[in-house]
């Protein structure tokens, strides 16, 4: 396994298996900006409480020759 980014592991299997840990919450960025968003400057909204920003871990199995990705082991804690 390798760690290309903080909170993410990549494992080579039949395809790629990603193990991710992410924090979810409302940000100051607008969805209407589409792909033009600078994610490095997209911070969480001020005043959010910890119970409004769960931390989730999950696995994604990507096999490029199959049109769907498989998401498993999703767990969120507040």
PDB file of N, CA and C in Angstrom:
ATOM      1  N   UNK A   1       0.828  -1.178   0.000  1.00  0.00           N
ATOM      2  CA  UNK A   1       0.000   0.000   0.000  1.00  0.00           C
ATOM      3  C   UNK A   1       0.869   1.237   0.000  1.00  0.00           C
ATOM      4  N   UNK A   2       0.345   2.293  -0.569  1.00  0.00           N
ATOM      5  CA  UNK A   2       1.057   3.559  -0.560  1.00  0.00           C
ATOM      6  C   UNK A   2       0.127   4.648  -0.057  1.00  0.00           C
ATOM      7  N   UNK A   3       0.678   5.787   0.348  1.00  0.00           N
ATOM      8  CA  UNK A   3      -0.133   6.894   0.834  1.00  0.00           C
ATOM      9  C   UNK A   3       0.143   8.137   0.006  1.00  0.00           C
ATOM     10  N   UNK A   4      -0.617   8.344  -1.100  1.00  0.00           N
ATOM     11  CA  UNK A   4      -0.381   9.506  -1.941  1.00  0.00           C
ATOM     12  C   UNK A   4      -0.831  10.811  -1.310  1.00  0.00           C
ATOM     13  N   UNK A   5      -1.830  10.803  -0.414  1.00  0.00           N
ATOM     14  CA  UNK A   5      -2.320  12.003   0.247  1.00  0.00           C
ATOM     15  C   UNK A   5      -2.633  11.675   1.699  1.00  0.00           C
ATOM     16  N   UNK A   6      -2.667  12.690   2.502  1.00  0.00           N
ATOM     17  CA  UNK A   6      -3.030  12.506   3.902  1.00  0.00           C
ATOM     18  C   UNK A   6      -4.432  11.928   4.011  1.00  0.00           C
ATOM     19  N   UNK A   7      -4.581  10.868   4.777  1.00  0.00           N
ATOM     20  CA  UNK A   7      -5.887  10.276   4.986  1.00  0.00           C
ATOM     21  C   UNK A   7      -6.370   9.365   3.875  1.00  0.00           C
ATOM     22  N   UNK A   8      -5.492   9.011   2.947  1.00  0.00           N
ATOM     23  CA  UNK A   8      -5.910   8.152   1.833  1.00  0.00           C
ATOM     24  C   UNK A   8      -4.849   7.095   1.603  1.00  0.00           C
ATOM     25  N   UNK A   9      -5.268   5.841   1.484  1.00  0.00           N
ATOM     26  CA  UNK A   9      -4.367   4.746   1.149  1.00  0.00           C
ATOM     27  C   UNK A   9      -4.785   4.177  -0.191  1.00  0.00           C
ATOM     28  N   UNK A  10      -3.831   3.734  -0.975  1.00  0.00           N
ATOM     29  CA  UNK A  10      -4.124   3.116  -2.260  1.00  0.00           C
ATOM     30  C   UNK A  10      -3.516   1.725  -2.260  1.00  0.00           C
ATOM     31  N   UNK A  11      -4.305   0.741  -2.666  1.00  0.00           N
ATOM     32  CA  UNK A  11      -3.832  -0.637  -2.727  1.00  0.00           C
ATOM     33  C   UNK A  11      -4.097  -1.149  -4.134  1.00  0.00           C
ATOM     34  N   UNK A  12      -3.083  -1.764  -4.746  1.00  0.00           N
ATOM     35  CA  UNK A  12      -3.243  -2.314  -6.086  1.00  0.00           C
ATOM     36  C   UNK A  12      -3.816  -3.719  -5.959  1.00  0.00           C
ATOM     37  N   UNK A  13      -4.985  -3.919  -6.511  1.00  0.00           N
ATOM     38  CA  UNK A  13      -5.653  -5.216  -6.547  1.00  0.00           C
ATOM     39  C   UNK A  13      -6.076  -5.388  -8.005  1.00  0.00           C
ATOM     40  N   UNK A  14      -7.146  -6.086  -8.256  1.00  0.00           N
ATOM     41  CA  UNK A  14      -7.678  -6.130  -9.621  1.00  0.00           C
ATOM     42  C   UNK A  14      -8.360  -4.788  -9.836  1.00  0.00           C
ATOM     43  N   UNK A  15      -7.577  -3.788 -10.228  1.00  0.00           N
ATOM     44  CA  UNK A  15      -8.018  -2.399 -10.289  1.00  0.00           C
ATOM     45  C   UNK A  15      -7.308  -1.644  -9.165  1.00  0.00           C
ATOM     46  N   UNK A  16      -7.926  -0.607  -8.670  1.00  0.00           N
ATOM     47  CA  UNK A  16      -7.360   0.169  -7.563  1.00  0.00           C
ATOM     48  C   UNK A  16      -8.357   0.193  -6.423  1.00  0.00           C
ATOM     49  N   UNK A  17      -7.865   0.012  -5.189  1.00  0.00           N
ATOM     50  CA  UNK A  17      -8.725   0.086  -4.016  1.00  0.00           C
ATOM     51  C   UNK A  17      -8.228   1.262  -3.177  1.00  0.00           C
ATOM     52  N   UNK A  18      -9.118   2.227  -2.962  1.00  0.00           N
ATOM     53  CA  UNK A  18      -8.792   3.424  -2.205  1.00  0.00           C
ATOM     54  C   UNK A  18      -9.414   3.320  -0.819  1.00  0.00           C
ATOM     55  N   UNK A  19      -8.640   3.609   0.224  1.00  0.00           N
ATOM     56  CA  UNK A  19      -9.121   3.682   1.600  1.00  0.00           C
ATOM     57  C   UNK A  19      -9.041   5.157   1.976  1.00  0.00           C
ATOM     58  N   UNK A  20     -10.189   5.786   2.208  1.00  0.00           N
ATOM     59  CA  UNK A  20     -10.198   7.233   2.437  1.00  0.00           C
ATOM     60  C   UNK A  20     -10.796   7.588   3.791  1.00  0.00           C
ATOM     61  N   UNK A  21     -10.273   8.655   4.355  1.00  0.00           N
ATOM     62  CA  UNK A  21     -10.798   9.228   5.581  1.00  0.00           C
ATOM     63  C   UNK A  21     -11.003  10.712   5.299  1.00  0.00           C
ATOM     64  N   UNK A  22     -12.265  11.158   5.368  1.00  0.00           N
ATOM     65  CA  UNK A  22     -12.585  12.544   5.007  1.00  0.00           C
ATOM     66  C   UNK A  22     -13.458  13.180   6.086  1.00  0.00           C
ATOM     67  N   UNK A  23     -13.341  14.491   6.195  1.00  0.00           N
ATOM     68  CA  UNK A  23     -14.214  15.234   7.093  1.00  0.00           C
ATOM     69  C   UNK A  23     -15.233  15.965   6.233  1.00  0.00           C
ATOM     70  N   UNK A  24     -16.506  15.811   6.576  1.00  0.00           N
ATOM     71  CA  UNK A  24     -17.579  16.412   5.803  1.00  0.00           C
ATOM     72  C   UNK A  24     -18.119  17.636   6.523  1.00  0.00           C
ATOM     73  N   UNK A  25     -18.432  18.665   5.750  1.00  0.00           N
ATOM     74  CA  UNK A  25     -19.020  19.868   6.334  1.00  0.00           C
ATOM     75  C   UNK A  25     -19.307  20.889   5.253  1.00  0.00           C
ATOM     76  N   UNK A  26     -20.116  21.855   5.586  1.00  0.00           N
ATOM     77  CA  UNK A  26     -20.435  22.930   4.639  1.00  0.00           C
ATOM     78  C   UNK A  26     -19.220  23.832   4.496  1.00  0.00           C
ATOM     79  N   UNK A  27     -18.996  24.282   3.254  1.00  0.00           N
ATOM     80  CA  UNK A  27     -17.849  25.146   2.990  1.00  0.00           C
ATOM     81  C   UNK A  27     -18.310  26.505   2.489  1.00  0.00           C
ATOM     82  N   UNK A  28     -17.348  27.371   2.295  1.00  0.00           N
ATOM     83  CA  UNK A  28     -17.627  28.707   1.784  1.00  0.00           C
ATOM     84  C   UNK A  28     -17.701  28.724   0.261  1.00  0.00           C
ATOM     85  N   UNK A  29     -17.406  27.616  -0.407  1.00  0.00           N
ATOM     86  CA  UNK A  29     -17.419  27.556  -1.872  1.00  0.00           C
ATOM     87  C   UNK A  29     -18.825  27.296  -2.399  1.00  0.00           C
ATOM     88  N   UNK A  30     -19.096  27.791  -3.601  1.00  0.00           N
ATOM     89  CA  UNK A  30     -20.392  27.613  -4.228  1.00  0.00           C
ATOM     90  C   UNK A  30     -20.336  26.496  -5.242  1.00  0.00           C
ATOM     91  N   UNK A  31     -21.365  25.635  -5.253  1.00  0.00           N
ATOM     92  CA  UNK A  31     -21.432  24.541  -6.221  1.00  0.00           C
ATOM     93  C   UNK A  31     -21.518  25.069  -7.647  1.00  0.00           C
ATOM     94  N   UNK A  32     -22.098  26.238  -7.810  1.00  0.00           N
ATOM     95  CA  UNK A  32     -22.294  26.795  -9.154  1.00  0.00           C
ATOM     96  C   UNK A  32     -20.965  27.092  -9.857  1.00  0.00           C
ATOM     97  N   UNK A  33     -19.865  27.135  -9.106  1.00  0.00           N
ATOM     98  CA  UNK A  33     -18.549  27.376  -9.717  1.00  0.00           C
ATOM     99  C   UNK A  33     -18.072  26.158 -10.500  1.00  0.00           C
ATOM    100  N   UNK A  34     -18.694  25.006 -10.272  1.00  0.00           N
ATOM    101  CA  UNK A  34     -18.341  23.794 -11.013  1.00  0.00           C
ATOM    102  C   UNK A  34     -16.910  23.381 -10.791  1.00  0.00           C
ATOM    103  N   UNK A  35     -16.213  23.076 -11.880  1.00  0.00           N
ATOM    104  CA  UNK A  35     -14.830  22.603 -11.799  1.00  0.00           C
ATOM    105  C   UNK A  35     -13.829  23.734 -11.620  1.00  0.00           C
ATOM    106  N   UNK A  36     -14.293  24.971 -11.575  1.00  0.00           N
ATOM    107  CA  UNK A  36     -13.398  26.117 -11.447  1.00  0.00           C
ATOM    108  C   UNK A  36     -13.085  26.471  -9.997  1.00  0.00           C
ATOM    109  N   UNK A  37     -13.431  25.598  -9.064  1.00  0.00           N
ATOM    110  CA  UNK A  37     -13.193  25.859  -7.644  1.00  0.00           C
ATOM    111  C   UNK A  37     -11.742  25.542  -7.283  1.00  0.00           C
ATOM    112  N   UNK A  38     -11.100  26.466  -6.559  1.00  0.00           N
ATOM    113  CA  UNK A  38      -9.766  26.218  -6.013  1.00  0.00           C
ATOM    114  C   UNK A  38      -9.962  25.557  -4.646  1.00  0.00           C
ATOM    115  N   UNK A  39      -9.874  24.231  -4.593  1.00  0.00           N
ATOM    116  CA  UNK A  39     -10.175  23.496  -3.369  1.00  0.00           C
ATOM    117  C   UNK A  39      -9.236  23.837  -2.211  1.00  0.00           C
ATOM    118  N   UNK A  40      -8.052  24.331  -2.497  1.00  0.00           N
ATOM    119  CA  UNK A  40      -7.121  24.710  -1.432  1.00  0.00           C
ATOM    120  C   UNK A  40      -7.638  25.930  -0.671  1.00  0.00           C
ATOM    121  N   UNK A  41      -8.503  26.721  -1.300  1.00  0.00           N
ATOM    122  CA  UNK A  41      -9.044  27.924  -0.649  1.00  0.00           C
ATOM    123  C   UNK A  41     -10.497  27.738  -0.216  1.00  0.00           C
ATOM    124  N   UNK A  42     -10.986  26.541  -0.291  1.00  0.00           N
ATOM    125  CA  UNK A  42     -12.377  26.231   0.029  1.00  0.00           C
ATOM    126  C   UNK A  42     -12.446  25.751   1.475  1.00  0.00           C
ATOM    127  N   UNK A  43     -12.591  26.678   2.417  1.00  0.00           N
ATOM    128  CA  UNK A  43     -12.552  26.319   3.835  1.00  0.00           C
ATOM    129  C   UNK A  43     -13.961  26.039   4.368  1.00  0.00           C
ATOM    130  N   UNK A  44     -14.007  25.405   5.536  1.00  0.00           N
ATOM    131  CA  UNK A  44     -15.288  25.162   6.189  1.00  0.00           C
ATOM    132  C   UNK A  44     -15.900  26.488   6.598  1.00  0.00           C
ATOM    133  N   UNK A  45     -17.223  26.542   6.628  1.00  0.00           N
ATOM    134  CA  UNK A  45     -17.911  27.757   7.046  1.00  0.00           C
ATOM    135  C   UNK A  45     -17.570  28.062   8.494  1.00  0.00           C
ATOM    136  N   UNK A  46     -17.366  29.350   8.808  1.00  0.00           N
ATOM    137  CA  UNK A  46     -17.063  29.695  10.193  1.00  0.00           C
ATOM    138  C   UNK A  46     -18.246  29.380  11.110  1.00  0.00           C
ATOM    139  N   UNK A  47     -17.958  28.986  12.333  1.00  0.00           N
ATOM    140  CA  UNK A  47     -18.998  28.725  13.317  1.00  0.00           C
ATOM    141  C   UNK A  47     -19.566  27.321  13.307  1.00  0.00           C
ATOM    142  N   UNK A  48     -19.074  26.437  12.440  1.00  0.00           N
ATOM    143  CA  UNK A  48     -19.578  25.061  12.429  1.00  0.00           C
ATOM    144  C   UNK A  48     -19.135  24.350  13.706  1.00  0.00           C
ATOM    145  N   UNK A  49     -20.033  23.582  14.273  1.00  0.00           N
ATOM    146  CA  UNK A  49     -19.728  22.796  15.466  1.00  0.00           C
ATOM    147  C   UNK A  49     -19.220  21.422  15.035  1.00  0.00           C
ATOM    148  N   UNK A  50     -18.496  20.752  15.918  1.00  0.00           N
ATOM    149  CA  UNK A  50     -17.924  19.433  15.602  1.00  0.00           C
ATOM    150  C   UNK A  50     -19.001  18.436  15.214  1.00  0.00           C
ATOM    151  N   UNK A  51     -20.196  18.526  15.829  1.00  0.00           N
ATOM    152  CA  UNK A  51     -21.255  17.575  15.504  1.00  0.00           C
ATOM    153  C   UNK A  51     -21.894  17.841  14.147  1.00  0.00           C
ATOM    154  N   UNK A  52     -21.498  18.921  13.497  1.00  0.00           N
ATOM    155  CA  UNK A  52     -21.969  19.227  12.146  1.00  0.00           C
ATOM    156  C   UNK A  52     -20.959  18.794  11.083  1.00  0.00           C
ATOM    157  N   UNK A  53     -19.818  18.234  11.518  1.00  0.00           N
ATOM    158  CA  UNK A  53     -18.755  17.856  10.596  1.00  0.00           C
ATOM    159  C   UNK A  53     -18.268  16.440  10.888  1.00  0.00           C
ATOM    160  N   UNK A  54     -19.016  15.422  10.462  1.00  0.00           N
ATOM    161  CA  UNK A  54     -18.591  14.041  10.733  1.00  0.00           C
ATOM    162  C   UNK A  54     -17.312  13.680   9.980  1.00  0.00           C
ATOM    163  N   UNK A  55     -16.576  12.732  10.531  1.00  0.00           N
ATOM    164  CA  UNK A  55     -15.401  12.175   9.862  1.00  0.00           C
ATOM    165  C   UNK A  55     -15.794  10.789   9.376  1.00  0.00           C
ATOM    166  N   UNK A  56     -15.646  10.562   8.073  1.00  0.00           N
ATOM    167  CA  UNK A  56     -16.079   9.311   7.465  1.00  0.00           C
ATOM    168  C   UNK A  56     -14.887   8.567   6.869  1.00  0.00           C
ATOM    169  N   UNK A  57     -14.918   7.251   7.012  1.00  0.00           N
ATOM    170  CA  UNK A  57     -13.930   6.395   6.355  1.00  0.00           C
ATOM    171  C   UNK A  57     -14.685   5.433   5.444  1.00  0.00           C
ATOM    172  N   UNK A  58     -14.116   5.170   4.295  1.00  0.00           N
ATOM    173  CA  UNK A  58     -14.724   4.224   3.368  1.00  0.00           C
ATOM    174  C   UNK A  58     -13.706   3.729   2.370  1.00  0.00           C
ATOM    175  N   UNK A  59     -14.090   2.682   1.657  1.00  0.00           N
ATOM    176  CA  UNK A  59     -13.238   2.080   0.626  1.00  0.00           C
ATOM    177  C   UNK A  59     -13.937   2.182  -0.712  1.00  0.00           C
ATOM    178  N   UNK A  60     -13.155   2.466  -1.727  1.00  0.00           N
ATOM    179  CA  UNK A  60     -13.681   2.519  -3.092  1.00  0.00           C
ATOM    180  C   UNK A  60     -12.834   1.585  -3.942  1.00  0.00           C
ATOM    181  N   UNK A  61     -13.476   0.662  -4.621  1.00  0.00           N
ATOM    182  CA  UNK A  61     -12.787  -0.272  -5.518  1.00  0.00           C
ATOM    183  C   UNK A  61     -13.101   0.171  -6.939  1.00  0.00           C
ATOM    184  N   UNK A  62     -12.074   0.606  -7.647  1.00  0.00           N
ATOM    185  CA  UNK A  62     -12.227   1.109  -9.014  1.00  0.00           C
ATOM    186  C   UNK A  62     -11.576   0.144  -9.987  1.00  0.00           C
ATOM    187  N   UNK A  63     -12.370  -0.346 -10.903  1.00  0.00           N
ATOM    188  CA  UNK A  63     -11.868  -1.185 -11.990  1.00  0.00           C
ATOM    189  C   UNK A  63     -12.275  -0.479 -13.285  1.00  0.00           C
ATOM    190  N   UNK A  64     -11.333   0.209 -13.950  1.00  0.00           N
ATOM    191  CA  UNK A  64     -11.656   1.065 -15.095  1.00  0.00           C
ATOM    192  C   UNK A  64     -12.431   0.368 -16.214  1.00  0.00           C
ATOM    193  N   UNK A  65     -12.312  -0.924 -16.339  1.00  0.00           N
ATOM    194  CA  UNK A  65     -13.010  -1.630 -17.404  1.00  0.00           C
ATOM    195  C   UNK A  65     -14.474  -1.921 -17.051  1.00  0.00           C
ATOM    196  N   UNK A  66     -14.871  -1.619 -15.803  1.00  0.00           N
ATOM    197  CA  UNK A  66     -16.267  -1.769 -15.367  1.00  0.00           C
ATOM    198  C   UNK A  66     -16.812  -0.360 -15.126  1.00  0.00           C
ATOM    199  N   UNK A  67     -17.984  -0.026 -15.684  1.00  0.00           N
ATOM    200  CA  UNK A  67     -18.469   1.355 -15.598  1.00  0.00           C
ATOM    201  C   UNK A  67     -18.861   1.846 -14.202  1.00  0.00           C
ATOM    202  N   UNK A  68     -18.984   0.980 -13.211  1.00  0.00           N
ATOM    203  CA  UNK A  68     -19.380   1.418 -11.868  1.00  0.00           C
ATOM    204  C   UNK A  68     -18.258   1.152 -10.868  1.00  0.00           C
ATOM    205  N   UNK A  69     -18.155   2.025  -9.855  1.00  0.00           N
ATOM    206  CA  UNK A  69     -17.206   1.822  -8.767  1.00  0.00           C
ATOM    207  C   UNK A  69     -17.947   1.218  -7.586  1.00  0.00           C
ATOM    208  N   UNK A  70     -17.259   0.435  -6.797  1.00  0.00           N
ATOM    209  CA  UNK A  70     -17.863  -0.190  -5.627  1.00  0.00           C
ATOM    210  C   UNK A  70     -17.404   0.525  -4.369  1.00  0.00           C
ATOM    211  N   UNK A  71     -18.362   1.041  -3.588  1.00  0.00           N
ATOM    212  CA  UNK A  71     -18.056   1.712  -2.320  1.00  0.00           C
ATOM    213  C   UNK A  71     -18.454   0.767  -1.191  1.00  0.00           C
ATOM    214  N   UNK A  72     -17.561   0.569  -0.222  1.00  0.00           N
ATOM    215  CA  UNK A  72     -17.872  -0.334   0.884  1.00  0.00           C
ATOM    216  C   UNK A  72     -17.294   0.208   2.180  1.00  0.00           C
ATOM    217  N   UNK A  73     -17.684  -0.427   3.266  1.00  0.00           N
ATOM    218  CA  UNK A  73     -17.163  -0.142   4.609  1.00  0.00           C
ATOM    219  C   UNK A  73     -17.274   1.345   4.998  1.00  0.00           C
ATOM    220  N   UNK A  74     -18.362   1.999   4.609  1.00  0.00           N
ATOM    221  CA  UNK A  74     -18.513   3.403   4.956  1.00  0.00           C
ATOM    222  C   UNK A  74     -18.977   3.528   6.399  1.00  0.00           C
ATOM    223  N   UNK A  75     -18.215   4.287   7.164  1.00  0.00           N
ATOM    224  CA  UNK A  75     -18.546   4.552   8.567  1.00  0.00           C
ATOM    225  C   UNK A  75     -18.275   6.009   8.858  1.00  0.00           C
ATOM    226  N   UNK A  76     -19.218   6.660   9.530  1.00  0.00           N
ATOM    227  CA  UNK A  76     -19.055   8.062   9.907  1.00  0.00           C
ATOM    228  C   UNK A  76     -19.215   8.208  11.416  1.00  0.00           C
ATOM    229  N   UNK A  77     -18.373   9.049  11.999  1.00  0.00           N
ATOM    230  CA  UNK A  77     -18.476   9.368  13.423  1.00  0.00           C
ATOM    231  C   UNK A  77     -18.489  10.883  13.568  1.00  0.00           C
ATOM    232  N   UNK A  78     -19.239  11.326  14.553  1.00  0.00           N
ATOM    233  CA  UNK A  78     -19.354  12.776  14.792  1.00  0.00           C
ATOM    234  C   UNK A  78     -18.430  13.156  15.927  1.00  0.00           C
TER     235      UNK A  78
END
